[in-house]
Amino acid sequence: MKKVVWGVLSTAKIGWEKVIPAMLKSEHCEVRAIGSRSLDKGRALADRLGIPKAYGSYEALLADPEIEAIYNPLPNHEHVPMTLAAARAGKHVLCEKPVALNAKEAEQLRAVAGKVHIMEAFMVRFHPQWLSVRERVRSGEVGELRSIHTYFSYFNRDPGNVRNQADIGGGALYDIGCYPIVTGRFLFGAEPKRVIALVDRDPDFKTDRMVSALVDFGEGRRLDFTVSTQSVPYQRVQVCGTKKRIEIEIPFNAPLGGSTKVYTDDGARLDGGSTSAEVIPACDMYTLEVDAFSRAVRGDIALPYGVEDAILNMRVIDALFASEKTGAWVNV
């Protein structure tokens, strides 16, 4: 397959630390340019990573006729505007999560979704550990899947960090709460019916620094999660059925190029003595993600997840913020 020619919007850390290196390893990607509001910063990063071109504006990057696909890791409030701009320039777009600040904003992407491919960048959905767990759930190994419990946290009180800036989409629910929501939808294979949330906000930043939520998928199925931007770093996913429990050890920041473990327990011993471990071979989930998107661009496979999927995820986030205000259950 001919490689897809990529451009990257901005010198964001997630880009140069994880996604661009993953692209450079891919058999299906050629990263040809970086666009930055600072030409010096763009040129420095391009030189460091061996990327041929750097542009001093996003518009200049989008005007490059050689660029076929764009990776958009900009701050959350710029996801929809710049994804629209890229799509209108004829570029396919892999956009970082969350795709928008609310579902109504995400719905604007429908206007261009039929012209180019647009996918929200939930790399976990391409990791073999997630695919393995979903297959085991679908096969009935865990019995009837009843509940998913997720905890995801880190500690960050840097006022200059975009995650602590409420006016541009900072906070725990946007940054990491979107992952448990995707987890529930991915493993239940269904959409939530209603949600209720308990939210604690930082008195200085006004961001949601801790969110605990119940997400009702109907038919006795529930997702409960807690996410926090100001707690000890930790992450786990527990998938509980009527026969077995599966635990994903490092669900969201799985080591790139390293193996992972998925644990299975039939509950025979409450001290964990009945738990067995499955070792998932080393991989880079970001490479797998950009491979899939590039193959979709070439028509080799169907686009795995599109705009409608991203809108559905945003509707759950909207409902959780609405529940914060009412203190009650909110229908999705």
C-alpha atoms as a PDB file:
ATOM      1  CA  MET A   1       0.000   0.000   0.000  1.00  0.00           C
ATOM      2  CA  LYS A   2       1.246   3.457  -0.867  1.00  0.00           C
ATOM      3  CA  LYS A   3       2.030   5.388   2.293  1.00  0.00           C
ATOM      4  CA  VAL A   4      -0.370   8.126   3.367  1.00  0.00           C
ATOM      5  CA  VAL A   5       1.328  11.528   3.592  1.00  0.00           C
ATOM      6  CA  TRP A   6       0.649  13.147   6.978  1.00  0.00           C
ATOM      7  CA  GLY A   7       0.937  16.602   8.461  1.00  0.00           C
ATOM      8  CA  VAL A   8       0.771  17.410  12.168  1.00  0.00           C
ATOM      9  CA  LEU A   9      -0.971  20.452  13.623  1.00  0.00           C
ATOM     10  CA  SER A  10       1.138  21.975  16.404  1.00  0.00           C
ATOM     11  CA  THR A  11       4.062  20.860  18.523  1.00  0.00           C
ATOM     12  CA  ALA A  12       1.831  19.456  21.296  1.00  0.00           C
ATOM     13  CA  LYS A  13       3.527  17.039  23.704  1.00  0.00           C
ATOM     14  CA  ILE A  14       1.208  14.111  22.915  1.00  0.00           C
ATOM     15  CA  GLY A  15       2.326  14.494  19.309  1.00  0.00           C
ATOM     16  CA  TRP A  16       6.098  14.560  19.654  1.00  0.00           C
ATOM     17  CA  GLU A  17       6.187  12.218  22.647  1.00  0.00           C
ATOM     18  CA  LYS A  18       3.893   9.443  21.437  1.00  0.00           C
ATOM     19  CA  VAL A  19       1.975   9.811  18.189  1.00  0.00           C
ATOM     20  CA  ILE A  20       4.603  11.138  15.760  1.00  0.00           C
ATOM     21  CA  PRO A  21       7.167   8.478  16.811  1.00  0.00           C
ATOM     22  CA  ALA A  22       4.422   5.903  16.262  1.00  0.00           C
ATOM     23  CA  MET A  23       3.765   7.298  12.788  1.00  0.00           C
ATOM     24  CA  LEU A  24       7.454   7.169  11.960  1.00  0.00           C
ATOM     25  CA  LYS A  25       7.455   3.449  12.794  1.00  0.00           C
ATOM     26  CA  SER A  26       4.405   2.738  10.661  1.00  0.00           C
ATOM     27  CA  GLU A  27       4.613   1.028   7.289  1.00  0.00           C
ATOM     28  CA  HIS A  28       1.600   3.040   6.148  1.00  0.00           C
ATOM     29  CA  CYS A  29       2.539   6.610   7.166  1.00  0.00           C
ATOM     30  CA  GLU A  30       4.912   9.255   5.915  1.00  0.00           C
ATOM     31  CA  VAL A  31       5.089  12.313   8.177  1.00  0.00           C
ATOM     32  CA  ARG A  32       6.061  15.106   5.833  1.00  0.00           C
ATOM     33  CA  ALA A  33       5.279  18.339   7.688  1.00  0.00           C
ATOM     34  CA  ILE A  34       4.560  20.037  10.995  1.00  0.00           C
ATOM     35  CA  GLY A  35       2.500  23.213  11.254  1.00  0.00           C
ATOM     36  CA  SER A  36       3.024  25.537  14.208  1.00  0.00           C
ATOM     37  CA  ARG A  37       2.129  29.091  15.111  1.00  0.00           C
ATOM     38  CA  SER A  38       5.853  29.483  15.713  1.00  0.00           C
ATOM     39  CA  LEU A  39       8.003  28.587  12.727  1.00  0.00           C
ATOM     40  CA  ASP A  40      11.072  28.282  14.954  1.00  0.00           C
ATOM     41  CA  LYS A  41       9.354  25.748  17.232  1.00  0.00           C
ATOM     42  CA  GLY A  42       7.990  23.859  14.272  1.00  0.00           C
ATOM     43  CA  ARG A  43      11.347  23.755  12.507  1.00  0.00           C
ATOM     44  CA  ALA A  44      13.151  22.642  15.673  1.00  0.00           C
ATOM     45  CA  LEU A  45      10.746  19.736  16.221  1.00  0.00           C
ATOM     46  CA  ALA A  46      10.799  18.766  12.544  1.00  0.00           C
ATOM     47  CA  ASP A  47      14.607  18.704  12.556  1.00  0.00           C
ATOM     48  CA  ARG A  48      14.656  16.671  15.762  1.00  0.00           C
ATOM     49  CA  LEU A  49      12.317  14.036  14.358  1.00  0.00           C
ATOM     50  CA  GLY A  50      13.648  14.045  10.803  1.00  0.00           C
ATOM     51  CA  ILE A  51      10.507  15.556   9.244  1.00  0.00           C
ATOM     52  CA  PRO A  52      11.186  17.430   5.975  1.00  0.00           C
ATOM     53  CA  LYS A  53       8.869  20.440   6.227  1.00  0.00           C
ATOM     54  CA  ALA A  54       7.813  22.957   8.854  1.00  0.00           C
ATOM     55  CA  TYR A  55       5.246  25.705   8.469  1.00  0.00           C
ATOM     56  CA  GLY A  56       4.769  28.831  10.570  1.00  0.00           C
ATOM     57  CA  SER A  57       0.974  28.614  10.495  1.00  0.00           C
ATOM     58  CA  TYR A  58      -1.699  25.935  10.490  1.00  0.00           C
ATOM     59  CA  GLU A  59      -3.187  27.438   7.355  1.00  0.00           C
ATOM     60  CA  ALA A  60       0.063  26.984   5.448  1.00  0.00           C
ATOM     61  CA  LEU A  61       0.173  23.319   6.407  1.00  0.00           C
ATOM     62  CA  LEU A  62      -3.420  22.790   5.278  1.00  0.00           C
ATOM     63  CA  ALA A  63      -2.627  24.478   1.954  1.00  0.00           C
ATOM     64  CA  ASP A  64       0.146  21.981   1.165  1.00  0.00           C
ATOM     65  CA  PRO A  65      -1.252  19.847  -1.693  1.00  0.00           C
ATOM     66  CA  GLU A  66       1.030  16.919  -0.806  1.00  0.00           C
ATOM     67  CA  ILE A  67      -0.558  16.413   2.625  1.00  0.00           C
ATOM     68  CA  GLU A  68      -3.346  13.830   2.602  1.00  0.00           C
ATOM     69  CA  ALA A  69      -4.082  13.408   6.307  1.00  0.00           C
ATOM     70  CA  ILE A  70      -3.809  15.587   9.380  1.00  0.00           C
ATOM     71  CA  TYR A  71      -3.203  14.656  12.991  1.00  0.00           C
ATOM     72  CA  ASN A  72      -4.868  17.238  15.268  1.00  0.00           C
ATOM     73  CA  PRO A  73      -3.552  17.257  18.860  1.00  0.00           C
ATOM     74  CA  LEU A  74      -4.480  20.885  19.582  1.00  0.00           C
ATOM     75  CA  PRO A  75      -6.178  21.945  22.846  1.00  0.00           C
ATOM     76  CA  ASN A  76      -9.763  20.739  23.125  1.00  0.00           C
ATOM     77  CA  HIS A  77     -11.443  23.980  22.102  1.00  0.00           C
ATOM     78  CA  GLU A  78      -9.587  23.905  18.768  1.00  0.00           C
ATOM     79  CA  HIS A  79     -10.484  20.348  17.820  1.00  0.00           C
ATOM     80  CA  VAL A  80     -13.650  21.058  15.862  1.00  0.00           C
ATOM     81  CA  PRO A  81     -12.599  24.365  14.226  1.00  0.00           C
ATOM     82  CA  MET A  82      -9.288  23.019  12.941  1.00  0.00           C
ATOM     83  CA  THR A  83     -10.704  19.630  11.994  1.00  0.00           C
ATOM     84  CA  LEU A  84     -13.330  21.437   9.929  1.00  0.00           C
ATOM     85  CA  ALA A  85     -10.647  23.610   8.330  1.00  0.00           C
ATOM     86  CA  ALA A  86      -8.544  20.560   7.479  1.00  0.00           C
ATOM     87  CA  ALA A  87     -11.519  18.648   6.078  1.00  0.00           C
ATOM     88  CA  ARG A  88     -12.557  21.606   3.937  1.00  0.00           C
ATOM     89  CA  ALA A  89      -9.012  21.633   2.574  1.00  0.00           C
ATOM     90  CA  GLY A  90      -9.553  18.027   1.535  1.00  0.00           C
ATOM     91  CA  LYS A  91      -7.523  16.419   4.317  1.00  0.00           C
ATOM     92  CA  HIS A  92      -8.534  13.378   6.324  1.00  0.00           C
ATOM     93  CA  VAL A  93      -8.287  14.013  10.079  1.00  0.00           C
ATOM     94  CA  LEU A  94      -7.292  11.943  13.091  1.00  0.00           C
ATOM     95  CA  CYS A  95      -8.368  14.220  15.958  1.00  0.00           C
ATOM     96  CA  GLU A  96      -7.359  13.848  19.581  1.00  0.00           C
ATOM     97  CA  LYS A  97     -10.021  13.172  22.173  1.00  0.00           C
ATOM     98  CA  PRO A  98     -12.383  14.605  23.165  1.00  0.00           C
ATOM     99  CA  VAL A  99     -13.407  15.480  19.634  1.00  0.00           C
ATOM    100  CA  ALA A 100     -15.356  18.532  20.854  1.00  0.00           C
ATOM    101  CA  LEU A 101     -16.533  20.416  23.929  1.00  0.00           C
ATOM    102  CA  ASN A 102     -20.091  19.125  23.552  1.00  0.00           C
ATOM    103  CA  ALA A 103     -22.187  17.002  21.234  1.00  0.00           C
ATOM    104  CA  LYS A 104     -23.716  19.977  19.431  1.00  0.00           C
ATOM    105  CA  GLU A 105     -20.250  21.192  18.475  1.00  0.00           C
ATOM    106  CA  ALA A 106     -19.259  17.678  17.385  1.00  0.00           C
ATOM    107  CA  GLU A 107     -22.332  17.520  15.155  1.00  0.00           C
ATOM    108  CA  GLN A 108     -20.783  20.256  13.000  1.00  0.00           C
ATOM    109  CA  LEU A 109     -18.405  17.594  11.706  1.00  0.00           C
ATOM    110  CA  ARG A 110     -21.284  15.856   9.947  1.00  0.00           C
ATOM    111  CA  ALA A 111     -21.071  18.525   7.241  1.00  0.00           C
ATOM    112  CA  VAL A 112     -17.692  17.203   6.097  1.00  0.00           C
ATOM    113  CA  ALA A 113     -17.810  13.565   7.231  1.00  0.00           C
ATOM    114  CA  GLY A 114     -18.957  12.377   3.811  1.00  0.00           C
ATOM    115  CA  LYS A 115     -16.049  14.053   2.034  1.00  0.00           C
ATOM    116  CA  VAL A 116     -13.100  12.871   4.150  1.00  0.00           C
ATOM    117  CA  HIS A 117     -12.441  10.409   6.956  1.00  0.00           C
ATOM    118  CA  ILE A 118     -12.576  11.824  10.506  1.00  0.00           C
ATOM    119  CA  MET A 119     -11.778   9.659  13.526  1.00  0.00           C
ATOM    120  CA  GLU A 120     -11.446  10.430  17.228  1.00  0.00           C
ATOM    121  CA  ALA A 121      -8.074   9.213  18.499  1.00  0.00           C
ATOM    122  CA  PHE A 122      -8.919   6.627  21.149  1.00  0.00           C
ATOM    123  CA  MET A 123      -5.806   4.530  20.641  1.00  0.00           C
ATOM    124  CA  VAL A 124      -6.841   1.991  23.296  1.00  0.00           C
ATOM    125  CA  ARG A 125      -9.433   0.531  20.932  1.00  0.00           C
ATOM    126  CA  PHE A 126      -6.588  -0.781  18.772  1.00  0.00           C
ATOM    127  CA  HIS A 127      -4.513  -2.370  21.536  1.00  0.00           C
ATOM    128  CA  PRO A 128      -4.534  -6.194  21.488  1.00  0.00           C
ATOM    129  CA  GLN A 129      -5.313  -6.302  25.212  1.00  0.00           C
ATOM    130  CA  TRP A 130      -8.598  -4.491  24.615  1.00  0.00           C
ATOM    131  CA  LEU A 131      -9.456  -6.585  21.576  1.00  0.00           C
ATOM    132  CA  SER A 132      -8.718  -9.748  23.576  1.00  0.00           C
ATOM    133  CA  VAL A 133     -10.954  -8.711  26.462  1.00  0.00           C
ATOM    134  CA  ARG A 134     -13.810  -7.743  24.143  1.00  0.00           C
ATOM    135  CA  GLU A 135     -13.583 -11.068  22.322  1.00  0.00           C
ATOM    136  CA  ARG A 136     -13.666 -12.951  25.632  1.00  0.00           C
ATOM    137  CA  VAL A 137     -16.720 -10.978  26.715  1.00  0.00           C
ATOM    138  CA  ARG A 138     -18.464 -11.641  23.402  1.00  0.00           C
ATOM    139  CA  SER A 139     -17.646 -15.352  23.584  1.00  0.00           C
ATOM    140  CA  GLY A 140     -19.420 -15.622  26.942  1.00  0.00           C
ATOM    141  CA  GLU A 141     -16.289 -16.531  28.897  1.00  0.00           C
ATOM    142  CA  VAL A 142     -17.172 -14.121  31.713  1.00  0.00           C
ATOM    143  CA  GLY A 143     -20.842 -15.107  31.633  1.00  0.00           C
ATOM    144  CA  GLU A 144     -23.229 -12.186  31.402  1.00  0.00           C
ATOM    145  CA  LEU A 145     -21.293  -8.932  31.621  1.00  0.00           C
ATOM    146  CA  ARG A 146     -22.832  -7.010  34.508  1.00  0.00           C
ATOM    147  CA  SER A 147     -20.465  -4.239  35.538  1.00  0.00           C
ATOM    148  CA  ILE A 148     -17.316  -2.398  34.590  1.00  0.00           C
ATOM    149  CA  HIS A 149     -15.402  -0.477  37.218  1.00  0.00           C
ATOM    150  CA  THR A 150     -12.702   2.006  36.218  1.00  0.00           C
ATOM    151  CA  TYR A 151     -10.316   4.244  38.140  1.00  0.00           C
ATOM    152  CA  PHE A 152      -7.993   6.624  36.283  1.00  0.00           C
ATOM    153  CA  SER A 153      -5.982   9.391  37.921  1.00  0.00           C
ATOM    154  CA  TYR A 154      -2.872  11.531  37.863  1.00  0.00           C
ATOM    155  CA  PHE A 155      -1.679  14.616  39.771  1.00  0.00           C
ATOM    156  CA  ASN A 156      -1.274  17.935  37.957  1.00  0.00           C
ATOM    157  CA  ARG A 157      -1.703  21.412  39.494  1.00  0.00           C
ATOM    158  CA  ASP A 158       0.340  23.327  36.933  1.00  0.00           C
ATOM    159  CA  PRO A 159      -1.718  26.456  36.147  1.00  0.00           C
ATOM    160  CA  GLY A 160      -0.078  26.710  32.720  1.00  0.00           C
ATOM    161  CA  ASN A 161      -1.145  23.210  31.680  1.00  0.00           C
ATOM    162  CA  VAL A 162      -4.126  23.097  29.311  1.00  0.00           C
ATOM    163  CA  ARG A 163      -5.717  20.421  31.512  1.00  0.00           C
ATOM    164  CA  ASN A 164      -6.132  23.044  34.236  1.00  0.00           C
ATOM    165  CA  GLN A 165      -7.678  25.739  32.039  1.00  0.00           C
ATOM    166  CA  ALA A 166     -11.462  25.522  32.216  1.00  0.00           C
ATOM    167  CA  ASP A 167     -12.172  27.955  29.374  1.00  0.00           C
ATOM    168  CA  ILE A 168     -10.424  25.788  26.759  1.00  0.00           C
ATOM    169  CA  GLY A 169     -11.743  22.395  27.833  1.00  0.00           C
ATOM    170  CA  GLY A 170      -9.598  21.432  30.791  1.00  0.00           C
ATOM    171  CA  GLY A 171     -10.657  19.105  33.579  1.00  0.00           C
ATOM    172  CA  ALA A 172     -10.848  15.424  34.394  1.00  0.00           C
ATOM    173  CA  LEU A 173     -13.976  14.447  32.480  1.00  0.00           C
ATOM    174  CA  TYR A 174     -12.778  15.815  29.131  1.00  0.00           C
ATOM    175  CA  ASP A 175      -9.203  14.615  29.538  1.00  0.00           C
ATOM    176  CA  ILE A 176      -9.575  11.143  31.034  1.00  0.00           C
ATOM    177  CA  GLY A 177     -13.252  10.576  31.841  1.00  0.00           C
ATOM    178  CA  CYS A 178     -13.832  10.007  28.144  1.00  0.00           C
ATOM    179  CA  TYR A 179     -11.814   6.776  28.416  1.00  0.00           C
ATOM    180  CA  PRO A 180     -14.104   4.922  30.855  1.00  0.00           C
ATOM    181  CA  ILE A 181     -17.064   5.984  28.716  1.00  0.00           C
ATOM    182  CA  VAL A 182     -15.412   4.487  25.639  1.00  0.00           C
ATOM    183  CA  THR A 183     -14.572   1.397  27.714  1.00  0.00           C
ATOM    184  CA  GLY A 184     -18.214   0.828  28.610  1.00  0.00           C
ATOM    185  CA  ARG A 185     -19.449   1.353  25.056  1.00  0.00           C
ATOM    186  CA  PHE A 186     -16.652  -0.832  23.652  1.00  0.00           C
ATOM    187  CA  LEU A 187     -17.201  -3.803  25.964  1.00  0.00           C
ATOM    188  CA  PHE A 188     -20.976  -3.697  26.408  1.00  0.00           C
ATOM    189  CA  GLY A 189     -21.435  -3.091  22.697  1.00  0.00           C
ATOM    190  CA  ALA A 190     -24.277  -0.734  23.558  1.00  0.00           C
ATOM    191  CA  GLU A 191     -25.048   2.903  24.306  1.00  0.00           C
ATOM    192  CA  PRO A 192     -25.816   4.260  27.800  1.00  0.00           C
ATOM    193  CA  LYS A 193     -29.393   5.072  28.796  1.00  0.00           C
ATOM    194  CA  ARG A 194     -28.808   7.489  31.691  1.00  0.00           C
ATOM    195  CA  VAL A 195     -26.053   8.822  33.952  1.00  0.00           C
ATOM    196  CA  ILE A 196     -25.507  10.442  37.322  1.00  0.00           C
ATOM    197  CA  ALA A 197     -22.347  12.251  38.416  1.00  0.00           C
ATOM    198  CA  LEU A 198     -20.653  13.616  41.528  1.00  0.00           C
ATOM    199  CA  VAL A 199     -18.141  16.345  40.654  1.00  0.00           C
ATOM    200  CA  ASP A 200     -15.511  18.135  42.750  1.00  0.00           C
ATOM    201  CA  ARG A 201     -14.088  21.335  41.237  1.00  0.00           C
ATOM    202  CA  ASP A 202     -10.762  22.986  41.900  1.00  0.00           C
ATOM    203  CA  PRO A 203     -11.399  26.286  43.719  1.00  0.00           C
ATOM    204  CA  ASP A 204      -8.683  28.062  41.722  1.00  0.00           C
ATOM    205  CA  PHE A 205      -8.895  26.534  38.242  1.00  0.00           C
ATOM    206  CA  LYS A 206     -12.674  25.874  38.303  1.00  0.00           C
ATOM    207  CA  THR A 207     -11.985  22.616  36.481  1.00  0.00           C
ATOM    208  CA  ASP A 208     -13.535  19.305  37.511  1.00  0.00           C
ATOM    209  CA  ARG A 209     -10.640  17.744  39.390  1.00  0.00           C
ATOM    210  CA  MET A 210     -12.547  14.595  40.426  1.00  0.00           C
ATOM    211  CA  VAL A 211     -15.583  12.995  38.839  1.00  0.00           C
ATOM    212  CA  SER A 212     -17.353   9.856  39.999  1.00  0.00           C
ATOM    213  CA  ALA A 213     -20.160   8.546  37.840  1.00  0.00           C
ATOM    214  CA  LEU A 214     -22.681   5.790  37.351  1.00  0.00           C
ATOM    215  CA  VAL A 215     -23.559   5.030  33.750  1.00  0.00           C
ATOM    216  CA  ASP A 216     -26.614   2.843  33.219  1.00  0.00           C
ATOM    217  CA  PHE A 217     -26.546   0.732  30.055  1.00  0.00           C
ATOM    218  CA  GLY A 218     -29.917  -0.869  30.818  1.00  0.00           C
ATOM    219  CA  GLU A 219     -30.740  -4.549  31.325  1.00  0.00           C
ATOM    220  CA  GLY A 220     -28.832  -4.607  34.609  1.00  0.00           C
ATOM    221  CA  ARG A 221     -25.561  -3.402  33.065  1.00  0.00           C
ATOM    222  CA  ARG A 222     -23.593  -0.554  34.602  1.00  0.00           C
ATOM    223  CA  LEU A 223     -20.321   1.290  34.336  1.00  0.00           C
ATOM    224  CA  ASP A 224     -19.024   3.072  37.406  1.00  0.00           C
ATOM    225  CA  PHE A 225     -15.887   5.164  37.303  1.00  0.00           C
ATOM    226  CA  THR A 226     -13.793   7.748  39.109  1.00  0.00           C
ATOM    227  CA  VAL A 227     -11.326   9.999  37.331  1.00  0.00           C
ATOM    228  CA  SER A 228      -9.133  12.634  38.914  1.00  0.00           C
ATOM    229  CA  THR A 229      -6.468  15.140  37.866  1.00  0.00           C
ATOM    230  CA  GLN A 230      -5.312  15.610  41.453  1.00  0.00           C
ATOM    231  CA  SER A 231      -4.862  12.129  42.899  1.00  0.00           C
ATOM    232  CA  VAL A 232      -2.039   9.618  43.056  1.00  0.00           C
ATOM    233  CA  PRO A 233      -1.398   8.218  39.553  1.00  0.00           C
ATOM    234  CA  TYR A 234      -3.326   4.981  39.145  1.00  0.00           C
ATOM    235  CA  GLN A 235      -5.425   3.182  36.549  1.00  0.00           C
ATOM    236  CA  ARG A 236      -7.320  -0.091  36.443  1.00  0.00           C
ATOM    237  CA  VAL A 237     -10.319  -1.577  34.696  1.00  0.00           C
ATOM    238  CA  GLN A 238     -12.360  -4.397  36.260  1.00  0.00           C
ATOM    239  CA  VAL A 239     -14.754  -6.270  33.972  1.00  0.00           C
ATOM    240  CA  CYS A 240     -17.175  -8.349  36.032  1.00  0.00           C
ATOM    241  CA  GLY A 241     -19.521 -11.000  34.697  1.00  0.00           C
ATOM    242  CA  THR A 242     -21.608 -13.738  36.234  1.00  0.00           C
ATOM    243  CA  LYS A 243     -18.812 -16.311  35.802  1.00  0.00           C
ATOM    244  CA  LYS A 244     -15.485 -14.469  35.770  1.00  0.00           C
ATOM    245  CA  ARG A 245     -13.758 -11.160  36.407  1.00  0.00           C
ATOM    246  CA  ILE A 246     -11.142  -9.693  34.071  1.00  0.00           C
ATOM    247  CA  GLU A 247      -8.686  -7.038  35.236  1.00  0.00           C
ATOM    248  CA  ILE A 248      -6.714  -4.899  32.789  1.00  0.00           C
ATOM    249  CA  GLU A 249      -3.495  -3.932  34.537  1.00  0.00           C
ATOM    250  CA  ILE A 250      -2.476  -0.780  32.624  1.00  0.00           C
ATOM    251  CA  PRO A 251      -5.545  -0.074  30.496  1.00  0.00           C
ATOM    252  CA  PHE A 252      -4.970   3.434  29.168  1.00  0.00           C
ATOM    253  CA  ASN A 253      -1.226   4.146  29.231  1.00  0.00           C
ATOM    254  CA  ALA A 254      -0.050   0.695  28.259  1.00  0.00           C
ATOM    255  CA  PRO A 255       3.751   0.723  27.828  1.00  0.00           C
ATOM    256  CA  LEU A 256       4.660   1.472  24.235  1.00  0.00           C
ATOM    257  CA  GLY A 257       6.758  -1.332  22.893  1.00  0.00           C
ATOM    258  CA  GLY A 258       6.227  -3.295  26.105  1.00  0.00           C
ATOM    259  CA  SER A 259       4.066  -6.264  27.033  1.00  0.00           C
ATOM    260  CA  THR A 260       0.956  -5.969  29.183  1.00  0.00           C
ATOM    261  CA  LYS A 261      -1.011  -8.321  31.420  1.00  0.00           C
ATOM    262  CA  VAL A 262      -4.682  -9.142  31.630  1.00  0.00           C
ATOM    263  CA  TYR A 263      -5.825 -11.076  34.708  1.00  0.00           C
ATOM    264  CA  THR A 264      -8.749 -13.486  34.905  1.00  0.00           C
ATOM    265  CA  ASP A 265     -10.361 -14.724  38.122  1.00  0.00           C
ATOM    266  CA  ASP A 266     -13.289 -17.119  38.553  1.00  0.00           C
ATOM    267  CA  GLY A 267     -13.714 -16.086  42.191  1.00  0.00           C
ATOM    268  CA  ALA A 268     -12.808 -19.472  43.658  1.00  0.00           C
ATOM    269  CA  ARG A 269     -10.462 -17.762  46.124  1.00  0.00           C
ATOM    270  CA  LEU A 270     -11.062 -14.282  47.490  1.00  0.00           C
ATOM    271  CA  ASP A 271      -7.345 -13.745  48.168  1.00  0.00           C
ATOM    272  CA  GLY A 272      -6.600 -13.758  44.433  1.00  0.00           C
ATOM    273  CA  GLY A 273      -5.203 -17.257  44.421  1.00  0.00           C
ATOM    274  CA  SER A 274      -7.556 -18.259  41.624  1.00  0.00           C
ATOM    275  CA  THR A 275      -6.284 -15.522  39.307  1.00  0.00           C
ATOM    276  CA  SER A 276      -4.397 -16.325  36.107  1.00  0.00           C
ATOM    277  CA  ALA A 277      -2.462 -13.889  33.911  1.00  0.00           C
ATOM    278  CA  GLU A 278      -2.411 -13.532  30.137  1.00  0.00           C
ATOM    279  CA  VAL A 279       0.645 -11.754  28.741  1.00  0.00           C
ATOM    280  CA  ILE A 280      -0.158  -9.566  25.744  1.00  0.00           C
ATOM    281  CA  PRO A 281       2.876  -9.220  23.428  1.00  0.00           C
ATOM    282  CA  ALA A 282       4.622  -5.875  23.035  1.00  0.00           C
ATOM    283  CA  CYS A 283       3.111  -3.350  20.639  1.00  0.00           C
ATOM    284  CA  ASP A 284       2.641   0.372  20.092  1.00  0.00           C
ATOM    285  CA  MET A 285      -1.087   1.117  20.173  1.00  0.00           C
ATOM    286  CA  TYR A 286      -0.531   4.498  18.512  1.00  0.00           C
ATOM    287  CA  THR A 287       1.110   2.806  15.543  1.00  0.00           C
ATOM    288  CA  LEU A 288      -1.798   0.381  15.328  1.00  0.00           C
ATOM    289  CA  GLU A 289      -4.205   3.324  15.406  1.00  0.00           C
ATOM    290  CA  VAL A 290      -2.510   5.310  12.629  1.00  0.00           C
ATOM    291  CA  ASP A 291      -2.076   2.118  10.597  1.00  0.00           C
ATOM    292  CA  ALA A 292      -5.825   1.514  10.723  1.00  0.00           C
ATOM    293  CA  PHE A 293      -6.642   5.106   9.828  1.00  0.00           C
ATOM    294  CA  SER A 294      -4.153   5.129   6.955  1.00  0.00           C
ATOM    295  CA  ARG A 295      -5.548   1.885   5.585  1.00  0.00           C
ATOM    296  CA  ALA A 296      -9.043   3.413   5.717  1.00  0.00           C
ATOM    297  CA  VAL A 297      -7.774   6.434   3.791  1.00  0.00           C
ATOM    298  CA  ARG A 298      -6.480   4.092   1.089  1.00  0.00           C
ATOM    299  CA  GLY A 299      -9.760   2.169   1.049  1.00  0.00           C
ATOM    300  CA  ASP A 300      -8.093  -1.007   2.268  1.00  0.00           C
ATOM    301  CA  ILE A 301     -10.508  -1.254   5.223  1.00  0.00           C
ATOM    302  CA  ALA A 302     -13.629   0.581   6.372  1.00  0.00           C
ATOM    303  CA  LEU A 303     -13.091   3.496   8.762  1.00  0.00           C
ATOM    304  CA  PRO A 304     -13.216   1.814  12.210  1.00  0.00           C
ATOM    305  CA  TYR A 305     -14.843   4.737  14.044  1.00  0.00           C
ATOM    306  CA  GLY A 306     -16.306   7.875  12.544  1.00  0.00           C
ATOM    307  CA  VAL A 307     -18.039  11.111  13.440  1.00  0.00           C
ATOM    308  CA  GLU A 308     -21.247   9.469  14.666  1.00  0.00           C
ATOM    309  CA  ASP A 309     -19.292   7.404  17.190  1.00  0.00           C
ATOM    310  CA  ALA A 310     -17.567  10.560  18.467  1.00  0.00           C
ATOM    311  CA  ILE A 311     -20.924  12.345  18.818  1.00  0.00           C
ATOM    312  CA  LEU A 312     -22.308   9.475  20.894  1.00  0.00           C
ATOM    313  CA  ASN A 313     -19.372   9.683  23.291  1.00  0.00           C
ATOM    314  CA  MET A 314     -19.824  13.445  23.643  1.00  0.00           C
ATOM    315  CA  ARG A 315     -23.510  12.985  24.491  1.00  0.00           C
ATOM    316  CA  VAL A 316     -22.519  10.956  27.536  1.00  0.00           C
ATOM    317  CA  ILE A 317     -20.080  13.669  28.653  1.00  0.00           C
ATOM    318  CA  ASP A 318     -22.810  16.294  28.157  1.00  0.00           C
ATOM    319  CA  ALA A 319     -25.204  14.263  30.294  1.00  0.00           C
ATOM    320  CA  LEU A 320     -22.651  13.916  33.090  1.00  0.00           C
ATOM    321  CA  PHE A 321     -22.072  17.679  33.203  1.00  0.00           C
ATOM    322  CA  ALA A 322     -25.844  18.174  33.227  1.00  0.00           C
ATOM    323  CA  SER A 323     -26.119  15.745  36.145  1.00  0.00           C
ATOM    324  CA  GLU A 324     -23.510  17.761  38.048  1.00  0.00           C
ATOM    325  CA  LYS A 325     -25.870  20.743  37.917  1.00  0.00           C
ATOM    326  CA  THR A 326     -29.062  18.885  38.801  1.00  0.00           C
ATOM    327  CA  GLY A 327     -27.724  16.243  41.178  1.00  0.00           C
ATOM    328  CA  ALA A 328     -30.042  13.768  39.475  1.00  0.00           C
ATOM    329  CA  TRP A 329     -30.083  11.110  36.790  1.00  0.00           C
ATOM    330  CA  VAL A 330     -29.932  12.509  33.253  1.00  0.00           C
ATOM    331  CA  ASN A 331     -30.982  10.620  30.143  1.00  0.00           C
ATOM    332  CA  VAL A 332     -28.334  10.370  27.434  1.00  0.00           C
END
